[in-house]
Amino acid sequence: MLSEFSYRTRIDNINTLKTEPLDVLIIGGGVVGAGLIRDIMLNGGIKAGLIEKGDFASGTSGASSQLIHGGFRYIAKRDIALVKQSRKEREIMHNIAPNLVKPLPLAILRYKGDPYPLAGIQLAARYYNHLSKSDEIEKSKLLRDVNEIHSLVGPILSDGLKGCVILWDSTVDDSRLTLATLKDAHVHGGVVANYVQFEDYVSQPDSTSQMFRIKAKDSITGETFEIASRKIVSTTGPWTDQLWKKDPSYDETSRLVSKKAQGIHLILPNCLGGDTSIKHGLILLTQTEKSYNSKQRGIFVLPGEHDTSIIGTTETTPEGDPETARPTSDEVVYLLSEAQRVFPSMSLDNSSIIGSYAGVRPLIASNGSENTSDKRNFVSREHIITESASGIIYVYGGKLTTHRLIAEEAVDYLAESLSVPRDCKTSINPLPSAVSEDVGWNEGHIEQNSTKILSDDEKERLVHRYGYQGYHAIEEFIGHDSTLAEPVCPSLPFVKAEILYAYTGEMAITIDDILWRRTRIGWTRGQGLDIVPQIAQFIGEKHNWDQSRITAEIDKYKRRIHWLNANL
C-alpha cells in the first residue's frame, strides 16, 4: 500500500505516543497545528507528535469560507502590513499546493446607496494587486455595463447596480489542505493521531525531569494513557481557553472572546452563472442592517463543487461550546434574504438549502497580549504565540491564509528553546498532493499501462484531488478489483476506490470523516443521507466491521446531519 496513513497508522502512532518521549507535543489538529508539525518535521532535529480530539479539521479549520485571501477589507483600515503578509502567503500556497489553492476572481458589487464609490474600490483593488506578484491575468478591472457583469456572474439584481470591481483571491478546500499538510508531516516522521482527547496535566518539568506528562484518552477505544514531552503547544483554536483553564499557571483570565465569533455558511443550488469558462464569486454589502441603522457587512457568494454555491458568513455569539456550533434560525434567514435579494430570478427559501455548516473563530480578547504571567509573547493583529509561566505554549487567533507563517514563527521559538538549528522549508517544499493545474494527468507521472477502466477525465480529477501518490493508491485498488471503479452513486463522480482510500490513505475513522471532510459528499444534494447505508456496508465489509458498528455509523451520521440542519 503506497503511503499508508490509515486507522492502522493511527494505532501505531498511539503506541509510539505511549512509549516514546517527544520533544514537542501539539494539541489540536486544525490547520495551524498541521502547519506547525509539518514545519517541525521538515526542519529536522525535533521529535514531534500531534493529537486531535476529533477528526482533523473537524472544527473551525473545516468550516471556513474556503478562501485563501489577502484581507482586502484591511486596506480601508490602512493595515497594509497585514495585507501584504497575507498576499505573500497566498503566493506561497499557490506554489506549494497549486491544485488545492486555486485563483478565484471576485466581483465586488456596488449598488446605489452603498458607502464606497466604485473609483475608490478600483483604486484599492489596484493597490491590492500591486502587493503581490500576480500574473497579468489577475489584474483588477472596473465594470459599469450591467450586461457585461451578467456575462461574468449571471443574472444578479440589476436595479441600482452601479458596477463592480474584479479582484483576485483564491479558493481552497480547507479540510483537504489541512489533511495534505498533516500527511507531509507524517511522511517526514511526525506522529499524528486523530480522536485522541487531551484530559489533563499529570506533571510538569521540575528538578528531576525535563518532561511534561499529560493524560490522554483514545476516544475510539476509551483507553487512557500518558504522553511525555519536553514542550507542549496548544493549537486548539476556539477551544484554547479550555486548555488554558487546566494550565498550572491559569490566572482566571480568559484569552478569547465569543461575541461575533460564530460564522455560518449555507450551501445553495448554483446561483452564479456567466458566459465565461472562469467561475467568478461575489462580494456584496448586505442591506439587512440598514433597517437597524447599523453598518453594512460584506458577505461572499462563492462557486461550490457539484453545481452548488456557498454564501456566508455571519458574526454572531455562539450559544454554547465550540463543538455545539450550528446555524441558528436568525442566521439562516439573514443569509437567505440577502441571497434572494441579489438573485431575484431564483426562488430561494429554506427548502432550497442543500446544507449548512458553522464554525467559531478564535478571536483574541484585548487582554490576550498584555498578561504579565506569560514568559514570552509574539503579537500580531491576527494571532498571538505565547508561553505561559508554566512553560506551555499557546497559539491564539490565526486564520487559514496565514497558518504557514504562524507555524514558522512558533517553530522559530521552539527551535531556539530546544537548541536545534533552524531551517524553515515550508515555503518552498510542495505538499505531497501538489499538482499544477496546468499539468495533465498523463504528462510523465502515470505509466502508460495504468488502468484502462478509468476515463482520462476521471484520472485527471483523481490526480488533481489526491496528487500522484494518492492517485496511484486508488489505481492500485482498482487494479485488484475493477468494481472499485464504479461510482458511489449515479449523480456524483466519486468512485468506490476513493472511499476505500479515505480509510486506508487519509486516516478517516468514521463515516462522517469520509462523507463530510474527505469527499465533501455531505456538501452535495441529499448530503449523502441516501447512500450512507451502502457506504457504511462497503467499508464494513472491507474492514471487518460487525453489523452493530455499521448500524451505529449510519445512525451517527444521520443524527449529525439532522442536528446540524435543525434550524433550516
Protein backbone atom coordinates (compact mmCIF):
# COMPACT_ATOMS: atom_id res chain seq x y z
CA MET A 1 0.00 0.00 0.00
CA LEU A 2 1.51 3.33 -1.09
CA SER A 3 1.99 5.88 1.70
CA GLU A 4 -0.35 4.31 4.22
CA PHE A 5 -1.98 6.82 6.52
CA SER A 6 -4.78 4.74 7.94
CA TYR A 7 -6.54 3.50 11.06
CA ARG A 8 -3.56 1.14 11.39
CA THR A 9 -1.17 4.11 11.23
CA ARG A 10 -3.24 5.73 13.98
CA ILE A 11 -2.91 2.67 16.23
CA ASP A 12 0.85 2.51 15.65
CA ASN A 13 1.20 6.23 16.37
CA ILE A 14 -0.78 5.96 19.60
CA ASN A 15 1.56 3.17 20.71
CA THR A 16 4.51 5.44 19.89
CA LEU A 17 2.98 8.30 21.89
CA LYS A 18 2.57 5.96 24.86
CA THR A 19 6.13 4.69 24.86
CA GLU A 20 8.48 7.24 23.31
CA PRO A 21 9.05 10.71 24.83
CA LEU A 22 8.68 13.65 22.47
CA ASP A 23 10.41 16.97 22.13
CA VAL A 24 7.15 18.69 21.17
CA LEU A 25 3.53 17.61 21.57
CA ILE A 26 0.97 19.65 19.64
CA ILE A 27 -2.60 19.55 20.90
CA GLY A 28 -5.04 20.42 18.11
CA GLY A 29 -5.29 19.04 14.57
CA GLY A 30 -6.67 22.01 12.68
CA VAL A 31 -4.74 23.83 10.01
CA VAL A 32 -2.45 25.71 12.41
CA GLY A 33 -1.47 22.54 14.27
CA ALA A 34 -0.96 20.79 10.94
CA GLY A 35 1.26 23.61 9.71
CA LEU A 36 3.24 23.53 12.94
CA ILE A 37 4.08 19.83 12.91
CA ARG A 38 4.87 19.97 9.19
CA ASP A 39 7.35 22.79 9.77
CA ILE A 40 8.94 20.92 12.68
CA MET A 41 9.38 17.73 10.68
CA LEU A 42 10.77 19.48 7.59
CA ASN A 43 13.18 21.38 9.84
CA GLY A 44 14.57 18.19 11.41
CA GLY A 45 16.17 17.65 14.78
CA ILE A 46 12.90 17.63 16.76
CA LYS A 47 10.71 14.63 17.56
CA ALA A 48 7.11 15.82 17.45
CA GLY A 49 3.63 14.42 17.82
CA LEU A 50 0.13 15.80 17.37
CA ILE A 51 -3.19 14.74 18.86
CA GLU A 52 -6.66 15.90 17.87
CA LYS A 53 -9.74 15.14 19.97
CA GLY A 54 -11.97 14.70 16.92
CA ASP A 55 -11.15 14.31 13.27
CA PHE A 56 -8.56 16.54 11.63
CA ALA A 57 -10.10 19.89 10.60
CA SER A 58 -13.37 18.96 12.31
CA GLY A 59 -13.57 22.37 13.99
CA THR A 60 -13.01 25.86 12.67
CA SER A 61 -10.46 24.73 10.08
CA GLY A 62 -13.13 22.76 8.23
CA ALA A 63 -15.83 25.42 8.46
CA SER A 64 -14.28 28.43 6.74
CA SER A 65 -15.35 30.38 3.66
CA GLN A 66 -12.96 28.14 1.70
CA LEU A 67 -10.79 31.13 0.78
CA ILE A 68 -7.12 31.96 0.85
CA HIS A 69 -7.27 35.72 0.68
CA GLY A 70 -5.24 38.83 1.33
CA GLY A 71 -7.69 40.68 3.53
CA PHE A 72 -8.88 43.32 1.07
CA ARG A 73 -11.00 44.99 3.76
CA TYR A 74 -7.88 45.81 5.77
CA ILE A 75 -6.80 48.27 3.08
CA ALA A 76 -9.62 50.55 4.21
CA LYS A 77 -8.24 50.21 7.75
CA ARG A 78 -4.76 51.06 6.41
CA ASP A 79 -3.28 47.89 7.84
CA ILE A 80 -1.06 47.47 4.79
CA ALA A 81 1.50 45.27 6.54
CA LEU A 82 -1.16 42.67 7.31
CA VAL A 83 -2.49 42.70 3.75
CA LYS A 84 0.99 42.40 2.29
CA GLN A 85 1.73 39.50 4.61
CA SER A 86 -1.46 37.69 3.61
CA ARG A 87 -0.86 38.29 -0.10
CA LYS A 88 2.62 36.81 0.23
CA GLU A 89 1.20 33.74 1.97
CA ARG A 90 -1.33 33.34 -0.83
CA GLU A 91 1.52 33.23 -3.34
CA ILE A 92 3.34 30.63 -1.27
CA MET A 93 0.23 28.45 -1.02
CA HIS A 94 -0.23 28.65 -4.79
CA ASN A 95 3.33 27.41 -5.24
CA ILE A 96 3.26 24.54 -2.74
CA ALA A 97 -0.35 23.38 -3.32
CA PRO A 98 -1.49 24.60 -6.75
CA ASN A 99 -4.25 22.03 -7.16
CA LEU A 100 -5.73 22.81 -3.74
CA VAL A 101 -5.32 26.60 -3.74
CA LYS A 102 -6.81 27.92 -6.97
CA PRO A 103 -7.13 31.53 -8.18
CA LEU A 104 -10.66 32.90 -7.97
CA PRO A 105 -11.89 36.21 -9.43
CA LEU A 106 -14.30 38.05 -7.15
CA ALA A 107 -16.73 40.71 -8.32
CA ILE A 108 -17.20 43.40 -5.67
CA LEU A 109 -20.70 44.68 -6.37
CA ARG A 110 -21.74 48.26 -5.70
CA TYR A 111 -25.40 49.27 -5.61
CA LYS A 112 -26.95 52.70 -5.20
CA GLY A 113 -26.63 53.74 -1.57
CA ASP A 114 -23.58 51.57 -0.81
CA PRO A 115 -20.97 53.58 1.09
CA TYR A 116 -17.88 53.08 -1.09
CA PRO A 117 -17.54 54.68 -4.57
CA LEU A 118 -16.51 52.46 -7.47
CA ALA A 119 -13.47 54.60 -8.22
CA GLY A 120 -12.25 54.17 -4.66
CA ILE A 121 -12.81 50.41 -4.74
CA GLN A 122 -10.90 50.19 -8.01
CA LEU A 123 -8.00 52.20 -6.63
CA ALA A 124 -7.83 49.94 -3.57
CA ALA A 125 -8.04 46.83 -5.79
CA ARG A 126 -5.14 48.03 -7.94
CA TYR A 127 -3.06 48.57 -4.82
CA TYR A 128 -4.14 45.17 -3.51
CA ASN A 129 -2.92 43.58 -6.73
CA HIS A 130 0.32 45.57 -6.54
CA LEU A 131 1.14 43.97 -3.18
CA SER A 132 1.66 40.55 -4.79
CA LYS A 133 3.38 39.08 -7.81
CA SER A 134 0.15 38.27 -9.58
CA ASP A 135 0.15 37.20 -13.18
CA GLU A 136 -1.21 39.56 -15.81
CA ILE A 137 -4.47 37.61 -15.82
CA GLU A 138 -5.10 38.66 -12.23
CA LYS A 139 -5.15 42.39 -12.85
CA SER A 140 -8.15 44.13 -11.31
CA LYS A 141 -10.70 45.88 -13.51
CA LEU A 142 -13.78 48.04 -13.18
CA LEU A 143 -17.02 47.20 -14.99
CA ARG A 144 -20.03 49.50 -15.26
CA ASP A 145 -22.01 47.80 -18.00
CA VAL A 146 -24.72 45.63 -16.42
CA ASN A 147 -24.83 43.21 -19.36
CA GLU A 148 -21.09 42.67 -19.13
CA ILE A 149 -21.40 42.00 -15.40
CA HIS A 150 -24.19 39.50 -16.08
CA SER A 151 -21.97 37.74 -18.60
CA LEU A 152 -19.43 37.13 -15.81
CA VAL A 153 -21.56 36.28 -12.80
CA GLY A 154 -25.06 35.55 -14.06
CA PRO A 155 -28.42 37.29 -13.60
CA ILE A 156 -27.85 39.27 -10.42
CA LEU A 157 -30.08 42.15 -9.36
CA SER A 158 -29.83 44.97 -11.93
CA ASP A 159 -31.85 47.66 -10.16
CA GLY A 160 -29.49 50.17 -8.62
CA LEU A 161 -26.38 48.30 -9.78
CA LYS A 162 -23.66 50.87 -10.38
CA GLY A 163 -20.98 48.43 -11.38
CA CYS A 164 -18.38 46.11 -9.93
CA VAL A 165 -14.65 45.77 -9.45
CA ILE A 166 -12.94 42.45 -10.18
CA LEU A 167 -10.09 41.39 -7.92
CA TRP A 168 -8.47 38.02 -7.36
CA ASP A 169 -8.16 35.84 -4.29
CA SER A 170 -8.11 32.03 -4.09
CA THR A 171 -10.41 29.18 -3.22
CA VAL A 172 -9.41 26.08 -1.25
CA ASP A 173 -10.95 23.01 0.33
CA ASP A 174 -9.83 23.76 3.89
CA SER A 175 -10.18 20.17 5.13
CA ARG A 176 -8.11 18.75 2.30
CA LEU A 177 -5.43 21.41 2.79
CA THR A 178 -5.22 20.50 6.49
CA LEU A 179 -5.03 16.80 5.66
CA ALA A 180 -2.36 17.25 2.98
CA THR A 181 -0.28 19.29 5.44
CA LEU A 182 -0.56 16.58 8.10
CA LYS A 183 0.32 13.85 5.62
CA ASP A 184 3.51 15.71 4.71
CA ALA A 185 4.39 15.82 8.40
CA HIS A 186 3.67 12.07 8.62
CA VAL A 187 5.90 11.31 5.63
CA HIS A 188 8.74 13.13 7.41
CA GLY A 189 8.29 11.30 10.71
CA GLY A 190 5.58 13.21 12.54
CA VAL A 191 3.50 11.12 14.95
CA VAL A 192 -0.11 12.21 14.43
CA ALA A 193 -3.38 10.72 15.64
CA ASN A 194 -6.98 11.86 15.47
CA TYR A 195 -9.64 11.01 18.06
CA VAL A 196 -7.19 11.41 20.94
CA GLN A 197 -8.51 13.70 23.66
CA PHE A 198 -6.26 15.72 25.98
CA GLU A 199 -7.54 15.08 29.51
CA ASP A 200 -5.22 16.83 31.96
CA TYR A 201 -1.66 17.51 33.03
CA VAL A 202 -0.09 14.77 35.15
CA SER A 203 3.21 16.51 35.87
CA GLN A 204 5.38 19.32 34.58
CA PRO A 205 9.15 19.80 34.33
CA ASP A 206 11.00 20.06 37.64
CA SER A 207 14.45 19.42 39.07
CA THR A 208 14.18 15.69 38.42
CA SER A 209 12.53 15.69 34.99
CA GLN A 210 12.52 17.96 31.98
CA MET A 211 9.27 16.47 30.75
CA PHE A 212 5.62 17.36 30.82
CA ARG A 213 3.38 14.36 31.26
CA ILE A 214 -0.24 14.57 30.13
CA LYS A 215 -3.16 12.17 30.33
CA ALA A 216 -4.86 11.47 27.02
CA LYS A 217 -7.82 9.33 26.01
CA ASP A 218 -8.35 7.29 22.86
CA SER A 219 -11.90 8.31 22.00
CA ILE A 220 -12.42 5.19 19.87
CA THR A 221 -11.41 2.56 22.43
CA GLY A 222 -11.90 4.56 25.63
CA GLU A 223 -8.36 3.76 26.79
CA THR A 224 -6.47 6.43 28.75
CA PHE A 225 -2.69 6.73 28.62
CA GLU A 226 0.13 9.19 29.28
CA ILE A 227 2.30 11.12 26.82
CA ALA A 228 5.66 12.63 27.78
CA SER A 229 7.06 15.68 26.01
CA ARG A 230 9.58 18.44 26.66
CA LYS A 231 7.30 21.07 25.17
CA ILE A 232 3.53 21.33 24.87
CA VAL A 233 1.93 23.57 22.23
CA SER A 234 -1.79 24.30 22.10
CA THR A 235 -3.24 24.96 18.63
CA THR A 236 -6.84 24.33 19.63
CA GLY A 237 -8.45 27.46 18.16
CA PRO A 238 -11.67 28.42 19.95
CA TRP A 239 -11.08 25.60 22.46
CA THR A 240 -7.83 27.23 23.65
CA ASP A 241 -9.33 28.67 26.82
CA GLN A 242 -10.49 25.17 27.79
CA LEU A 243 -6.85 24.05 27.82
CA TRP A 244 -5.72 27.28 29.45
CA LYS A 245 -8.04 26.61 32.40
CA LYS A 246 -6.12 23.36 33.07
CA ASP A 247 -2.73 25.08 32.91
CA PRO A 248 -0.99 25.03 36.32
CA SER A 249 -0.42 28.80 35.91
CA TYR A 250 -4.04 29.62 34.96
CA ASP A 251 -4.90 33.09 36.34
CA GLU A 252 -8.69 33.00 35.72
CA THR A 253 -8.35 35.41 32.80
CA SER A 254 -10.00 34.41 29.53
CA ARG A 255 -7.87 34.95 26.43
CA LEU A 256 -10.65 34.64 23.86
CA VAL A 257 -13.99 36.36 23.31
CA SER A 258 -17.15 34.81 21.92
CA LYS A 259 -19.01 37.92 20.76
CA LYS A 260 -19.28 37.88 16.94
CA ALA A 261 -17.21 34.69 16.93
CA GLN A 262 -19.65 32.35 15.17
CA GLY A 263 -19.88 32.30 11.40
CA ILE A 264 -22.18 30.13 9.30
CA HIS A 265 -22.40 29.28 5.63
CA LEU A 266 -25.26 27.98 3.53
CA ILE A 267 -24.79 25.61 0.60
CA LEU A 268 -27.31 26.52 -2.08
CA PRO A 269 -28.07 25.41 -5.64
CA ASN A 270 -25.73 27.15 -8.05
CA CYS A 271 -26.62 30.85 -8.08
CA LEU A 272 -23.69 32.00 -10.17
CA GLY A 273 -23.74 31.82 -13.94
CA GLY A 274 -21.97 33.74 -16.65
CA ASP A 275 -20.77 33.01 -20.14
CA THR A 276 -17.06 32.63 -19.36
CA SER A 277 -15.14 29.45 -18.56
CA ILE A 278 -13.73 31.07 -15.41
CA LYS A 279 -16.07 30.93 -12.43
CA HIS A 280 -16.48 34.17 -10.50
CA GLY A 281 -17.54 34.75 -6.93
CA LEU A 282 -19.26 37.79 -5.46
CA ILE A 283 -18.58 40.17 -2.61
CA LEU A 284 -21.56 42.31 -1.69
CA LEU A 285 -22.64 44.64 1.07
CA THR A 286 -25.68 43.47 2.98
CA GLN A 287 -28.87 45.50 3.25
CA THR A 288 -30.41 43.92 6.36
CA GLU A 289 -28.53 46.19 8.74
CA LYS A 290 -29.97 49.35 7.21
CA SER A 291 -33.30 48.86 8.98
CA TYR A 292 -31.38 48.89 12.28
CA ASN A 293 -29.20 51.86 11.30
CA SER A 294 -26.23 49.55 11.59
CA LYS A 295 -23.11 49.29 9.46
CA GLN A 296 -23.44 47.10 6.38
CA ARG A 297 -21.35 43.95 6.27
CA GLY A 298 -19.63 42.25 3.38
CA ILE A 299 -20.55 38.68 2.54
CA PHE A 300 -19.38 36.21 -0.10
CA VAL A 301 -21.23 34.17 -2.68
CA LEU A 302 -18.75 31.59 -3.95
CA PRO A 303 -18.81 28.80 -6.52
CA GLY A 304 -19.00 25.41 -4.83
CA GLU A 305 -18.41 21.94 -6.19
CA HIS A 306 -21.06 19.84 -7.91
CA ASP A 307 -23.21 22.72 -9.12
CA THR A 308 -23.58 24.50 -5.77
CA SER A 309 -22.87 27.93 -4.33
CA ILE A 310 -21.66 28.82 -0.83
CA ILE A 311 -22.90 32.00 0.86
CA GLY A 312 -21.53 33.42 4.11
CA THR A 313 -20.64 34.47 6.61
CA THR A 314 -22.24 35.80 9.79
CA GLU A 315 -20.88 37.31 13.00
CA THR A 316 -22.92 36.12 15.97
CA THR A 317 -22.32 34.92 19.50
CA PRO A 318 -22.29 31.10 19.78
CA GLU A 319 -24.91 29.62 22.07
CA GLY A 320 -22.61 27.05 23.69
CA ASP A 321 -19.20 25.45 23.44
CA PRO A 322 -17.50 25.45 20.01
CA GLU A 323 -18.43 21.83 19.31
CA THR A 324 -22.13 22.76 19.51
CA ALA A 325 -21.87 25.41 16.79
CA ARG A 326 -24.64 25.15 14.20
CA PRO A 327 -26.64 27.66 12.17
CA THR A 328 -29.37 29.49 14.07
CA SER A 329 -32.73 30.34 12.51
CA ASP A 330 -31.87 34.05 12.52
CA GLU A 331 -28.58 33.46 10.71
CA VAL A 332 -30.29 31.33 8.08
CA VAL A 333 -32.98 33.95 7.47
CA TYR A 334 -30.29 36.65 7.27
CA LEU A 335 -28.21 34.91 4.59
CA LEU A 336 -31.20 33.64 2.62
CA SER A 337 -32.78 37.09 2.46
CA GLU A 338 -29.54 38.58 1.15
CA ALA A 339 -29.17 35.81 -1.43
CA GLN A 340 -32.77 36.23 -2.60
CA ARG A 341 -32.28 39.99 -2.95
CA VAL A 342 -29.20 39.60 -5.16
CA PHE A 343 -30.65 36.70 -7.21
CA PRO A 344 -34.27 37.79 -7.72
CA SER A 345 -34.89 35.33 -10.56
CA MET A 346 -34.29 32.39 -8.23
CA SER A 347 -36.76 31.13 -5.65
CA LEU A 348 -34.68 30.74 -2.51
CA ASP A 349 -36.19 29.61 0.76
CA ASN A 350 -35.35 27.05 3.44
CA SER A 351 -36.31 24.21 1.13
CA SER A 352 -33.60 25.40 -1.30
CA ILE A 353 -30.79 24.84 1.20
CA ILE A 354 -28.62 21.86 0.33
CA GLY A 355 -26.61 22.02 3.54
CA SER A 356 -25.04 24.32 6.06
CA TYR A 357 -22.12 24.50 8.44
CA ALA A 358 -20.91 26.68 11.29
CA GLY A 359 -17.60 27.46 12.94
CA VAL A 360 -16.33 29.55 15.83
CA ARG A 361 -13.48 31.98 15.27
CA PRO A 362 -10.70 32.13 17.89
CA LEU A 363 -10.99 35.88 18.49
CA ILE A 364 -8.38 37.30 20.84
CA ALA A 365 -9.50 39.24 23.91
CA SER A 366 -7.97 42.68 24.36
CA ASN A 367 -6.02 41.42 27.38
CA GLY A 368 -4.64 38.45 25.46
CA SER A 369 -1.32 40.11 24.69
CA GLU A 370 -0.99 42.01 27.94
CA ASN A 371 -0.93 39.23 30.53
CA THR A 372 2.15 39.65 32.67
CA SER A 373 2.20 35.98 33.75
CA ASP A 374 3.34 34.98 30.25
CA LYS A 375 7.04 34.40 29.73
CA ARG A 376 7.09 35.48 26.13
CA ASN A 377 4.64 36.97 23.63
CA PHE A 378 4.71 37.25 19.84
CA VAL A 379 1.89 39.59 18.93
CA SER A 380 0.22 40.45 15.66
CA ARG A 381 -3.23 41.75 14.76
CA GLU A 382 -4.38 38.28 13.89
CA HIS A 383 -2.59 35.94 16.28
CA ILE A 384 -0.51 35.64 19.44
CA ILE A 385 2.08 33.00 20.25
CA THR A 386 2.69 32.99 23.97
CA GLU A 387 4.36 30.83 26.62
CA SER A 388 2.68 30.68 30.00
CA ALA A 389 4.51 30.80 33.31
CA SER A 390 4.34 27.02 33.50
CA GLY A 391 6.06 26.68 30.12
CA ILE A 392 3.08 25.71 27.96
CA ILE A 393 2.96 27.44 24.56
CA TYR A 394 -0.33 28.71 23.14
CA VAL A 395 -1.24 29.90 19.68
CA TYR A 396 -4.19 32.28 19.96
CA GLY A 397 -6.10 33.50 16.93
CA GLY A 398 -4.83 32.81 13.45
CA LYS A 399 -6.54 32.12 10.16
CA LEU A 400 -6.40 29.77 7.22
CA THR A 401 -4.45 32.12 4.94
CA THR A 402 -1.56 32.73 7.33
CA HIS A 403 -1.39 29.34 9.05
CA ARG A 404 2.01 28.54 7.50
CA LEU A 405 3.51 31.83 8.71
CA ILE A 406 2.11 31.32 12.21
CA ALA A 407 3.71 27.89 12.30
CA GLU A 408 7.01 29.33 11.10
CA GLU A 409 7.03 31.88 13.93
CA ALA A 410 6.19 29.22 16.51
CA VAL A 411 8.88 26.83 15.29
CA ASP A 412 11.43 29.68 15.28
CA TYR A 413 10.85 29.93 19.03
CA LEU A 414 10.73 26.16 19.62
CA ALA A 415 13.99 25.57 17.75
CA GLU A 416 15.70 28.26 19.81
CA SER A 417 14.28 26.85 23.05
CA LEU A 418 15.39 23.31 22.17
CA SER A 419 18.79 24.46 20.82
CA VAL A 420 18.10 22.98 17.39
CA PRO A 421 19.38 24.55 14.13
CA ARG A 422 16.58 26.33 12.30
CA ASP A 423 15.88 25.84 8.60
CA CYS A 424 12.31 26.62 7.61
CA LYS A 425 11.40 24.83 4.36
CA THR A 426 7.63 25.11 4.32
CA SER A 427 7.51 27.98 1.85
CA ILE A 428 9.40 26.05 -0.84
CA ASN A 429 8.63 22.36 -0.30
CA PRO A 430 5.42 21.35 -2.11
CA LEU A 431 2.76 19.37 -0.31
CA PRO A 432 2.51 15.66 -1.26
CA SER A 433 -0.64 16.28 -3.28
CA ALA A 434 0.80 19.24 -5.19
CA VAL A 435 -0.03 19.08 -8.89
CA SER A 436 -0.07 22.08 -11.18
CA GLU A 437 -3.47 22.78 -12.67
CA ASP A 438 -1.66 23.19 -15.99
CA VAL A 439 -0.25 19.65 -15.90
CA GLY A 440 -2.26 16.87 -17.48
CA TRP A 441 -2.62 13.56 -15.67
CA ASN A 442 -0.54 11.73 -18.28
CA GLU A 443 2.48 14.04 -18.51
CA GLY A 444 5.11 11.63 -17.30
CA HIS A 445 3.73 10.76 -13.88
CA ILE A 446 1.35 7.94 -14.78
CA GLU A 447 2.54 4.81 -16.51
CA GLN A 448 1.21 4.11 -19.99
CA ASN A 449 -0.08 0.74 -18.78
CA SER A 450 -2.13 2.31 -15.99
CA THR A 451 -5.69 1.14 -15.59
CA LYS A 452 -7.84 1.49 -18.69
CA ILE A 453 -11.01 1.21 -16.61
CA LEU A 454 -10.98 4.88 -15.65
CA SER A 455 -11.54 7.53 -18.30
CA ASP A 456 -8.94 10.23 -18.86
CA ASP A 457 -11.27 12.77 -17.23
CA GLU A 458 -11.62 10.56 -14.16
CA LYS A 459 -7.86 10.10 -13.94
CA GLU A 460 -7.29 13.83 -14.18
CA ARG A 461 -9.86 14.53 -11.48
CA LEU A 462 -8.27 11.99 -9.15
CA VAL A 463 -4.75 13.29 -9.75
CA HIS A 464 -5.76 16.86 -9.05
CA ARG A 465 -7.72 15.91 -5.93
CA TYR A 466 -5.27 13.46 -4.36
CA GLY A 467 -1.95 14.08 -6.08
CA TYR A 468 0.01 11.43 -7.96
CA GLN A 469 0.71 9.42 -4.83
CA GLY A 470 -2.97 9.29 -3.90
CA TYR A 471 -3.94 8.51 -7.48
CA HIS A 472 -1.55 5.56 -7.60
CA ALA A 473 -3.02 4.16 -4.37
CA ILE A 474 -6.54 4.44 -5.79
CA GLU A 475 -5.38 2.91 -9.08
CA GLU A 476 -3.82 0.02 -7.15
CA PHE A 477 -7.17 -0.74 -5.52
CA ILE A 478 -8.90 -0.74 -8.90
CA GLY A 479 -6.18 -2.93 -10.39
CA HIS A 480 -7.00 -5.60 -7.81
CA ASP A 481 -10.77 -5.16 -8.04
CA SER A 482 -12.30 -3.46 -11.07
CA THR A 483 -15.64 -2.96 -9.28
CA LEU A 484 -13.95 -0.27 -7.19
CA ALA A 485 -14.03 1.97 -10.29
CA GLU A 486 -17.81 2.11 -10.01
CA PRO A 487 -19.32 5.42 -8.83
CA VAL A 488 -20.71 5.53 -5.30
CA CYS A 489 -23.93 6.92 -6.80
CA PRO A 490 -25.03 7.99 -10.31
CA SER A 491 -25.15 11.74 -9.52
CA LEU A 492 -21.60 12.13 -8.14
CA PRO A 493 -18.17 11.47 -9.67
CA PHE A 494 -16.67 9.74 -6.62
CA VAL A 495 -15.71 6.11 -7.15
CA LYS A 496 -15.68 3.34 -4.56
CA ALA A 497 -11.89 3.24 -4.51
CA GLU A 498 -11.87 6.83 -3.20
CA ILE A 499 -13.99 5.77 -0.24
CA LEU A 500 -11.54 2.97 0.47
CA TYR A 501 -8.59 5.33 0.09
CA ALA A 502 -10.10 7.77 2.61
CA TYR A 503 -10.00 4.95 5.14
CA THR A 504 -6.57 3.50 4.31
CA GLY A 505 -4.71 6.53 2.97
CA GLU A 506 -6.24 9.51 4.78
CA MET A 507 -6.87 8.25 8.34
CA ALA A 508 -10.65 8.54 8.16
CA ILE A 509 -12.11 6.67 11.11
CA THR A 510 -15.85 7.30 10.89
CA ILE A 511 -18.36 7.59 8.07
CA ASP A 512 -18.72 11.27 8.98
CA ASP A 513 -14.99 11.75 8.31
CA ILE A 514 -15.42 10.24 4.85
CA LEU A 515 -18.62 11.99 3.79
CA TRP A 516 -18.15 15.38 5.42
CA ARG A 517 -14.41 16.10 5.12
CA ARG A 518 -12.57 13.61 2.87
CA THR A 519 -15.02 13.70 -0.06
CA ARG A 520 -17.49 16.54 0.80
CA ILE A 521 -20.37 14.29 -0.24
CA GLY A 522 -22.10 15.81 2.78
CA TRP A 523 -21.98 19.16 0.96
CA THR A 524 -23.91 17.86 -2.06
CA ARG A 525 -27.62 17.44 -2.71
CA GLY A 526 -29.02 14.90 -0.28
CA GLN A 527 -25.89 15.25 1.89
CA GLY A 528 -25.20 11.53 1.47
CA LEU A 529 -28.18 10.51 3.59
CA ASP A 530 -29.47 8.24 0.84
CA ILE A 531 -26.14 6.48 0.24
CA VAL A 532 -24.69 6.32 3.76
CA PRO A 533 -26.05 2.77 4.31
CA GLN A 534 -24.26 1.49 1.19
CA ILE A 535 -21.02 3.28 2.08
CA ALA A 536 -21.06 2.03 5.67
CA GLN A 537 -21.76 -1.53 4.46
CA PHE A 538 -18.96 -1.23 1.88
CA ILE A 539 -16.38 -0.04 4.44
CA GLY A 540 -17.63 -2.60 6.94
CA GLU A 541 -17.11 -5.46 4.52
CA LYS A 542 -13.63 -4.26 3.59
CA HIS A 543 -12.50 -3.74 7.20
CA ASN A 544 -14.41 -6.30 9.22
CA TRP A 545 -16.90 -4.03 10.95
CA ASP A 546 -19.62 -6.05 12.62
CA GLN A 547 -23.24 -5.17 11.92
CA SER A 548 -23.60 -3.19 15.14
CA ARG A 549 -20.68 -0.95 14.13
CA ILE A 550 -22.17 -0.45 10.67
CA THR A 551 -25.58 0.44 12.10
CA ALA A 552 -24.01 2.79 14.65
CA GLU A 553 -22.03 4.63 11.96
CA ILE A 554 -25.15 5.11 9.82
CA ASP A 555 -27.22 6.33 12.76
CA LYS A 556 -24.47 8.66 13.97
CA TYR A 557 -24.10 10.32 10.58
CA LYS A 558 -27.82 10.75 10.09
CA ARG A 559 -28.26 12.20 13.58
CA ARG A 560 -25.46 14.69 12.99
CA ILE A 561 -26.89 15.93 9.70
CA HIS A 562 -30.39 16.26 11.17
CA TRP A 563 -28.98 18.08 14.21
CA LEU A 564 -26.94 20.43 12.03
CA ASN A 565 -29.99 21.22 9.89
CA ALA A 566 -32.43 21.58 12.78
CA ASN A 567 -32.84 25.34 12.29
CA LEU A 568 -33.05 25.34 8.50
